[in-house]
């Protein structure tokens, strides 16, 4: 069956992995990568598929309703996988307006264009799907109620054998929203709009909320690629507060597999949480990265520990995120394929083996590469 699928934000970190997976796995599909090419968009992430016959790139702002509505009609779009978003919490604290515009109004623009086009068809919503990718940050923060004096202070979680966690509470699909940053507030609003379009108009929507992603092609403002690059260049590793904040980490290719599965087999109007069952304190994660990078570079063990620099904590810094993905496991059979040690090994080696990609991104040269081709 031929499908015409728009993947927004497809030149970004997670989006590029989803585009690559769909282009390679479904040669019968028409995959349209729609991206504004902001600082986080990099078409070099997709050089291996850019010449495939079932791939097309369109430079477009998701807030441009008229252009997107026209694209829907021209390409006969029957599926939308919506990843385009401003996603860096620190940037949202400094510039909340941009996050509200892109994450809220951009999502609303896509929803309304899809609604108008699909409702104009004889079959209307039959065979259509609007899949919105969101974040665990919309849920707020969890308590860290582990026993004192145990290091590391782990408890086993019933939903995943062998998983270890820093508390008894987890984010479930039914967890009440309680966003604390401008970024998470904007994403929460976009989630509500997506669900409202199902409840009001009957649009076939799905929402997923994922934990922190890591892996190749991540923009180096994020912790893992930033610190790998800083260790390589002997630069400081800035750690917020005491480094005690806990995050659940998910390898990006596992997330892409989950998106593929949910897009095709997930139930309309459902929410699915996607997590790695993989909680780490920031400081412990950083020490694992230091150990891995130093080993691969041939440095003595502990060589880069002196780069750790504690800085003033982030405003509104949530203590702990932890997703329960048991619904996704039980209903659709998905589970993460990599343990964190495996995933971080692959990730570190990728960044060290692709220093040209990293250098082009950190220098800004990656934007110059395409600026003549995609002016305006």
Protein backbone atom coordinates (compact mmCIF):
# COMPACT_ATOMS: atom_id res chain seq x y z
CA UNK A 1 0.00 0.00 0.00
CA UNK A 2 1.41 3.39 -0.98
CA UNK A 3 1.18 6.03 1.70
CA UNK A 4 2.07 9.71 1.61
CA UNK A 5 3.55 10.60 4.98
CA UNK A 6 4.82 13.96 6.22
CA UNK A 7 7.43 13.80 8.98
CA UNK A 8 7.88 17.24 10.53
CA UNK A 9 11.23 18.12 12.03
CA UNK A 10 12.80 15.39 9.95
CA UNK A 11 16.18 17.12 9.73
CA UNK A 12 16.50 17.18 13.51
CA UNK A 13 17.88 14.61 15.90
CA UNK A 14 14.99 12.20 16.48
CA UNK A 15 13.30 13.16 13.22
CA UNK A 16 16.25 12.18 11.06
CA UNK A 17 16.28 8.71 12.59
CA UNK A 18 12.55 8.33 11.95
CA UNK A 19 12.90 9.55 8.36
CA UNK A 20 15.80 7.15 7.70
CA UNK A 21 13.87 4.22 9.16
CA UNK A 22 10.72 4.91 7.13
CA UNK A 23 12.56 5.63 3.86
CA UNK A 24 14.58 2.42 4.09
CA UNK A 25 11.89 0.16 5.54
CA UNK A 26 8.97 1.29 3.36
CA UNK A 27 10.16 1.86 -0.23
CA UNK A 28 6.51 1.87 -1.29
CA UNK A 29 5.80 4.94 0.86
CA UNK A 30 6.29 8.56 -0.18
CA UNK A 31 8.18 10.16 2.72
CA UNK A 32 8.15 13.96 2.89
CA UNK A 33 10.63 15.49 5.32
CA UNK A 34 9.28 18.90 6.32
CA UNK A 35 11.69 21.08 8.27
CA UNK A 36 12.28 24.81 8.72
CA UNK A 37 16.03 24.22 9.10
CA UNK A 38 16.49 26.20 12.28
CA UNK A 39 19.80 25.81 14.09
CA UNK A 40 18.79 22.26 15.16
CA UNK A 41 17.95 21.10 11.63
CA UNK A 42 20.80 19.58 9.65
CA UNK A 43 20.25 17.88 6.30
CA UNK A 44 23.70 16.32 6.58
CA UNK A 45 21.99 13.95 9.02
CA UNK A 46 20.20 12.39 6.03
CA UNK A 47 22.81 12.35 3.28
CA UNK A 48 22.54 8.56 3.10
CA UNK A 49 18.87 8.72 2.01
CA UNK A 50 18.58 12.07 0.23
CA UNK A 51 18.77 10.46 -3.22
CA UNK A 52 16.23 7.72 -2.52
CA UNK A 53 13.24 7.81 -4.91
CA UNK A 54 10.71 7.73 -2.05
CA UNK A 55 12.24 10.67 -0.17
CA UNK A 56 11.49 14.36 -0.58
CA UNK A 57 12.59 17.37 1.46
CA UNK A 58 10.43 20.46 1.83
CA UNK A 59 11.68 23.51 3.69
CA UNK A 60 8.71 24.98 5.53
CA UNK A 61 7.73 26.59 8.82
CA UNK A 62 4.99 24.53 10.51
CA UNK A 63 3.33 27.83 11.49
CA UNK A 64 2.75 28.58 7.80
CA UNK A 65 -0.80 27.25 7.63
CA UNK A 66 -1.51 28.16 3.99
CA UNK A 67 1.65 26.52 2.66
CA UNK A 68 1.11 23.37 4.68
CA UNK A 69 -2.53 23.12 3.61
CA UNK A 70 -1.41 23.39 -0.01
CA UNK A 71 1.21 20.69 0.56
CA UNK A 72 -1.45 18.40 2.03
CA UNK A 73 -3.48 18.72 -1.15
CA UNK A 74 -0.59 18.46 -3.59
CA UNK A 75 0.96 15.40 -1.95
CA UNK A 76 -2.35 13.78 -0.92
CA UNK A 77 -0.99 13.36 2.59
CA UNK A 78 -2.67 10.61 4.62
CA UNK A 79 -0.27 10.46 7.58
CA UNK A 80 1.55 13.03 9.69
CA UNK A 81 4.27 12.21 12.20
CA UNK A 82 4.84 15.46 14.07
CA UNK A 83 8.27 15.87 15.67
CA UNK A 84 9.05 19.51 14.83
CA UNK A 85 9.50 21.50 18.04
CA UNK A 86 11.74 23.80 19.98
CA UNK A 87 13.09 21.41 22.59
CA UNK A 88 15.91 22.89 24.68
CA UNK A 89 14.75 23.82 28.18
CA UNK A 90 17.47 26.43 28.75
CA UNK A 91 16.48 28.24 25.56
CA UNK A 92 12.81 28.18 26.60
CA UNK A 93 13.67 29.92 29.87
CA UNK A 94 15.35 32.74 27.93
CA UNK A 95 12.87 32.92 25.03
CA UNK A 96 9.43 31.47 25.91
CA UNK A 97 7.66 33.26 23.02
CA UNK A 98 9.50 31.22 20.38
CA UNK A 99 8.53 28.00 22.14
CA UNK A 100 4.87 28.99 22.35
CA UNK A 101 4.83 29.98 18.69
CA UNK A 102 6.45 26.83 17.32
CA UNK A 103 5.21 24.19 19.72
CA UNK A 104 1.65 25.44 20.22
CA UNK A 105 0.69 27.50 17.16
CA UNK A 106 2.75 25.31 14.84
CA UNK A 107 0.96 22.19 16.04
CA UNK A 108 -2.41 23.92 15.73
CA UNK A 109 -1.54 24.96 12.17
CA UNK A 110 -0.82 21.35 11.21
CA UNK A 111 -3.98 20.08 12.91
CA UNK A 112 -6.25 22.58 11.19
CA UNK A 113 -4.71 22.00 7.75
CA UNK A 114 -5.07 18.24 8.17
CA UNK A 115 -8.65 18.61 9.36
CA UNK A 116 -9.70 20.77 6.42
CA UNK A 117 -8.02 18.56 3.83
CA UNK A 118 -9.12 15.20 5.21
CA UNK A 119 -12.70 16.34 5.77
CA UNK A 120 -12.85 17.42 2.10
CA UNK A 121 -12.18 13.86 0.91
CA UNK A 122 -14.95 11.34 0.16
CA UNK A 123 -13.47 8.89 2.68
CA UNK A 124 -12.73 11.73 5.15
CA UNK A 125 -10.65 10.38 8.08
CA UNK A 126 -10.59 6.75 6.98
CA UNK A 127 -7.01 5.50 6.74
CA UNK A 128 -5.59 8.80 8.07
CA UNK A 129 -3.42 9.37 11.11
CA UNK A 130 -2.00 12.38 12.98
CA UNK A 131 0.75 11.20 15.32
CA UNK A 132 2.12 13.77 17.76
CA UNK A 133 5.42 13.12 19.57
CA UNK A 134 5.71 14.78 22.98
CA UNK A 135 7.84 14.60 26.12
CA UNK A 136 7.75 13.21 29.64
CA UNK A 137 8.43 16.73 30.91
CA UNK A 138 4.73 17.59 30.62
CA UNK A 139 4.11 15.43 33.69
CA UNK A 140 6.24 17.56 35.99
CA UNK A 141 8.61 15.94 38.47
CA UNK A 142 8.77 12.79 40.58
CA UNK A 143 10.03 12.40 44.12
CA UNK A 144 13.25 10.61 44.90
CA UNK A 145 12.23 8.55 47.91
CA UNK A 146 15.03 6.00 47.96
CA UNK A 147 16.57 4.70 51.19
CA UNK A 148 19.36 6.86 52.51
CA UNK A 149 22.89 5.55 52.66
CA UNK A 150 22.60 3.08 49.79
CA UNK A 151 24.75 3.79 46.75
CA UNK A 152 23.43 3.56 44.18
CA UNK A 153 19.96 3.82 45.77
CA UNK A 154 18.02 1.55 43.46
CA UNK A 155 14.62 -0.10 43.66
CA UNK A 156 13.26 -2.66 41.22
CA UNK A 157 10.27 -1.68 39.11
CA UNK A 158 7.58 -4.28 38.54
CA UNK A 159 6.87 -3.14 34.99
CA UNK A 160 10.28 -4.14 33.68
CA UNK A 161 12.28 -7.00 35.13
CA UNK A 162 15.69 -5.85 36.26
CA UNK A 163 14.97 -2.14 35.86
CA UNK A 164 16.34 -0.01 38.66
CA UNK A 165 14.86 3.28 39.77
CA UNK A 166 15.35 6.13 42.22
CA UNK A 167 11.81 6.13 43.59
CA UNK A 168 8.47 4.40 43.80
CA UNK A 169 6.54 6.75 41.47
CA UNK A 170 6.54 6.75 37.69
CA UNK A 171 4.92 8.62 34.83
CA UNK A 172 1.95 6.72 33.44
CA UNK A 173 -0.30 7.63 30.53
CA UNK A 174 -2.88 8.72 33.11
CA UNK A 175 -0.50 10.93 35.11
CA UNK A 176 -1.84 14.47 35.55
CA UNK A 177 -0.01 17.13 33.58
CA UNK A 178 2.08 19.51 35.69
CA UNK A 179 4.66 21.24 33.46
CA UNK A 180 7.30 23.39 35.14
CA UNK A 181 9.28 25.01 32.30
CA UNK A 182 8.17 27.14 29.33
CA UNK A 183 9.24 24.24 27.09
CA UNK A 184 7.13 21.64 28.89
CA UNK A 185 4.20 24.08 29.20
CA UNK A 186 4.24 24.62 25.44
CA UNK A 187 4.41 20.89 24.76
CA UNK A 188 1.58 20.24 27.22
CA UNK A 189 -0.58 22.77 25.39
CA UNK A 190 0.16 21.14 22.04
CA UNK A 191 -0.77 17.73 23.48
CA UNK A 192 -4.12 19.11 24.61
CA UNK A 193 -4.82 20.56 21.17
CA UNK A 194 -4.11 17.22 19.52
CA UNK A 195 -6.51 15.42 21.84
CA UNK A 196 -9.09 18.17 21.42
CA UNK A 197 -9.07 17.66 17.64
CA UNK A 198 -9.95 14.03 18.18
CA UNK A 199 -12.63 14.75 20.75
CA UNK A 200 -14.18 17.65 18.80
CA UNK A 201 -13.75 16.68 15.15
CA UNK A 202 -13.06 12.95 15.29
CA UNK A 203 -9.55 13.32 13.88
CA UNK A 204 -7.57 10.05 14.23
CA UNK A 205 -4.80 11.21 16.57
CA UNK A 206 -2.20 9.51 18.74
CA UNK A 207 0.09 11.10 21.33
CA UNK A 208 3.29 9.65 22.73
CA UNK A 209 5.43 10.99 25.56
CA UNK A 210 9.06 9.94 25.57
CA UNK A 211 12.00 10.17 27.94
CA UNK A 212 15.40 11.75 27.18
CA UNK A 213 16.79 10.49 23.88
CA UNK A 214 20.48 9.99 23.13
CA UNK A 215 22.48 8.69 20.18
CA UNK A 216 24.01 9.84 16.86
CA UNK A 217 23.16 13.18 15.21
CA UNK A 218 22.04 14.99 18.39
CA UNK A 219 22.72 18.73 18.37
CA UNK A 220 25.61 19.37 20.78
CA UNK A 221 23.74 21.73 23.07
CA UNK A 222 22.34 18.59 24.72
CA UNK A 223 24.21 16.93 27.56
CA UNK A 224 25.64 13.76 26.02
CA UNK A 225 27.08 15.08 22.71
CA UNK A 226 28.17 18.32 24.41
CA UNK A 227 30.12 16.46 27.08
CA UNK A 228 31.65 13.97 24.64
CA UNK A 229 32.94 16.90 22.59
CA UNK A 230 34.13 18.79 25.67
CA UNK A 231 36.03 15.75 26.96
CA UNK A 232 37.65 15.35 23.56
CA UNK A 233 38.80 19.00 23.64
CA UNK A 234 39.57 19.13 27.39
CA UNK A 235 36.87 21.73 28.05
CA UNK A 236 34.85 22.09 31.29
CA UNK A 237 31.85 19.82 31.89
CA UNK A 238 29.23 22.13 33.48
CA UNK A 239 27.03 20.20 35.91
CA UNK A 240 23.87 21.82 37.29
CA UNK A 241 23.67 21.94 41.10
CA UNK A 242 25.14 18.78 42.58
CA UNK A 243 24.32 16.62 39.57
CA UNK A 244 21.66 14.77 41.58
CA UNK A 245 18.80 15.22 39.08
CA UNK A 246 17.62 11.93 37.57
CA UNK A 247 16.55 11.29 33.99
CA UNK A 248 15.36 8.22 32.11
CA UNK A 249 17.43 7.68 28.94
CA UNK A 250 16.22 6.11 25.68
CA UNK A 251 18.43 5.22 22.70
CA UNK A 252 17.11 7.16 19.72
CA UNK A 253 16.89 4.17 17.37
CA UNK A 254 14.72 2.37 19.92
CA UNK A 255 12.47 5.43 19.96
CA UNK A 256 12.28 5.41 16.15
CA UNK A 257 11.23 1.74 16.25
CA UNK A 258 8.52 2.59 18.74
CA UNK A 259 7.24 5.43 16.53
CA UNK A 260 7.08 3.08 13.56
CA UNK A 261 5.15 0.50 15.56
CA UNK A 262 2.72 2.99 17.09
CA UNK A 263 2.06 4.77 13.80
CA UNK A 264 1.03 1.50 12.17
CA UNK A 265 -0.51 -0.45 15.05
CA UNK A 266 -1.33 1.99 17.83
CA UNK A 267 -4.95 2.69 18.70
CA UNK A 268 -6.50 6.01 17.69
CA UNK A 269 -7.00 8.49 20.57
CA UNK A 270 -4.57 6.57 22.78
CA UNK A 271 -1.49 7.84 24.58
CA UNK A 272 1.65 5.73 24.86
CA UNK A 273 4.65 6.43 27.08
CA UNK A 274 8.03 5.51 25.60
CA UNK A 275 10.87 5.15 28.09
CA UNK A 276 14.16 3.35 28.41
CA UNK A 277 13.64 1.85 31.89
CA UNK A 278 17.01 3.47 32.37
CA UNK A 279 17.33 6.05 35.16
CA UNK A 280 20.61 7.81 35.85
CA UNK A 281 21.67 10.66 38.06
CA UNK A 282 23.31 13.30 35.88
CA UNK A 283 26.61 13.03 37.74
CA UNK A 284 26.70 9.23 37.43
CA UNK A 285 25.90 9.46 33.72
CA UNK A 286 28.70 11.97 33.25
CA UNK A 287 31.19 9.71 35.00
CA UNK A 288 30.20 6.82 32.71
CA UNK A 289 30.77 9.07 29.69
CA UNK A 290 34.14 10.21 31.02
CA UNK A 291 35.23 6.63 31.60
CA UNK A 292 34.06 5.56 28.13
CA UNK A 293 35.58 8.50 26.22
CA UNK A 294 38.89 8.27 28.10
CA UNK A 295 39.12 4.53 27.40
CA UNK A 296 38.40 4.92 23.69
CA UNK A 297 40.85 7.84 23.38
CA UNK A 298 43.52 5.87 25.23
CA UNK A 299 43.62 8.21 28.22
CA UNK A 300 44.36 6.90 31.72
CA UNK A 301 41.23 6.04 33.71
CA UNK A 302 39.93 9.14 35.47
CA UNK A 303 41.96 11.45 33.22
CA UNK A 304 39.00 13.76 32.51
CA UNK A 305 37.30 13.76 35.91
CA UNK A 306 38.90 17.12 36.69
CA UNK A 307 36.82 18.69 33.90
CA UNK A 308 33.64 18.39 36.00
CA UNK A 309 32.56 21.91 36.96
CA UNK A 310 29.54 22.46 39.21
CA UNK A 311 27.42 25.48 38.19
CA UNK A 312 24.31 27.22 39.51
CA UNK A 313 21.29 24.99 39.14
CA UNK A 314 18.81 25.53 36.31
CA UNK A 315 15.68 27.50 37.20
CA UNK A 316 12.80 25.15 38.02
CA UNK A 317 15.02 22.10 37.56
CA UNK A 318 12.83 18.99 38.00
CA UNK A 319 14.32 16.40 40.35
CA UNK A 320 13.41 13.17 38.59
CA UNK A 321 11.71 11.82 35.46
CA UNK A 322 10.87 8.15 35.07
CA UNK A 323 8.53 6.65 32.50
CA UNK A 324 6.57 3.44 32.83
CA UNK A 325 6.34 1.93 29.34
CA UNK A 326 4.47 -1.20 30.34
CA UNK A 327 1.37 -0.25 28.31
CA UNK A 328 3.45 -0.10 25.13
CA UNK A 329 5.15 -3.37 26.03
CA UNK A 330 1.95 -5.23 26.80
CA UNK A 331 -0.23 -3.90 23.97
CA UNK A 332 2.26 -3.64 21.09
CA UNK A 333 5.23 -5.72 22.20
CA UNK A 334 7.86 -2.95 22.13
CA UNK A 335 10.77 -2.80 24.51
CA UNK A 336 14.17 -1.08 24.37
CA UNK A 337 16.84 -3.15 22.64
CA UNK A 338 19.93 -1.72 24.31
CA UNK A 339 21.16 -1.48 27.85
CA UNK A 340 22.58 1.95 28.59
CA UNK A 341 26.19 0.79 28.69
CA UNK A 342 25.78 -0.61 25.16
CA UNK A 343 24.00 2.49 23.94
CA UNK A 344 26.52 4.92 25.39
CA UNK A 345 29.39 2.89 23.90
CA UNK A 346 27.80 3.12 20.43
CA UNK A 347 27.03 6.79 20.94
CA UNK A 348 30.50 7.80 22.12
CA UNK A 349 32.15 5.88 19.28
CA UNK A 350 29.85 7.52 16.72
CA UNK A 351 30.71 11.06 17.82
CA UNK A 352 34.43 10.31 18.04
CA UNK A 353 34.36 8.59 14.62
CA UNK A 354 32.37 11.47 13.07
CA UNK A 355 34.44 14.42 14.20
CA UNK A 356 33.86 16.21 10.90
CA UNK A 357 30.09 16.19 11.54
CA UNK A 358 30.64 17.51 15.07
CA UNK A 359 33.11 20.17 13.93
CA UNK A 360 30.76 21.36 11.19
CA UNK A 361 27.91 21.68 13.68
CA UNK A 362 29.88 23.42 16.41
CA UNK A 363 31.41 25.85 13.90
CA UNK A 364 28.13 26.56 12.11
CA UNK A 365 29.46 25.34 8.76
CA UNK A 366 26.60 22.81 8.49
CA UNK A 367 24.19 25.69 7.82
CA UNK A 368 26.37 27.19 5.11
CA UNK A 369 26.33 23.89 3.22
CA UNK A 370 22.64 24.22 2.36
CA UNK A 371 22.00 27.95 2.52
CA UNK A 372 22.38 28.45 -1.26
CA UNK A 373 20.12 25.49 -2.05
CA UNK A 374 17.36 26.49 0.37
CA UNK A 375 17.39 30.26 0.49
CA UNK A 376 14.48 32.16 2.05
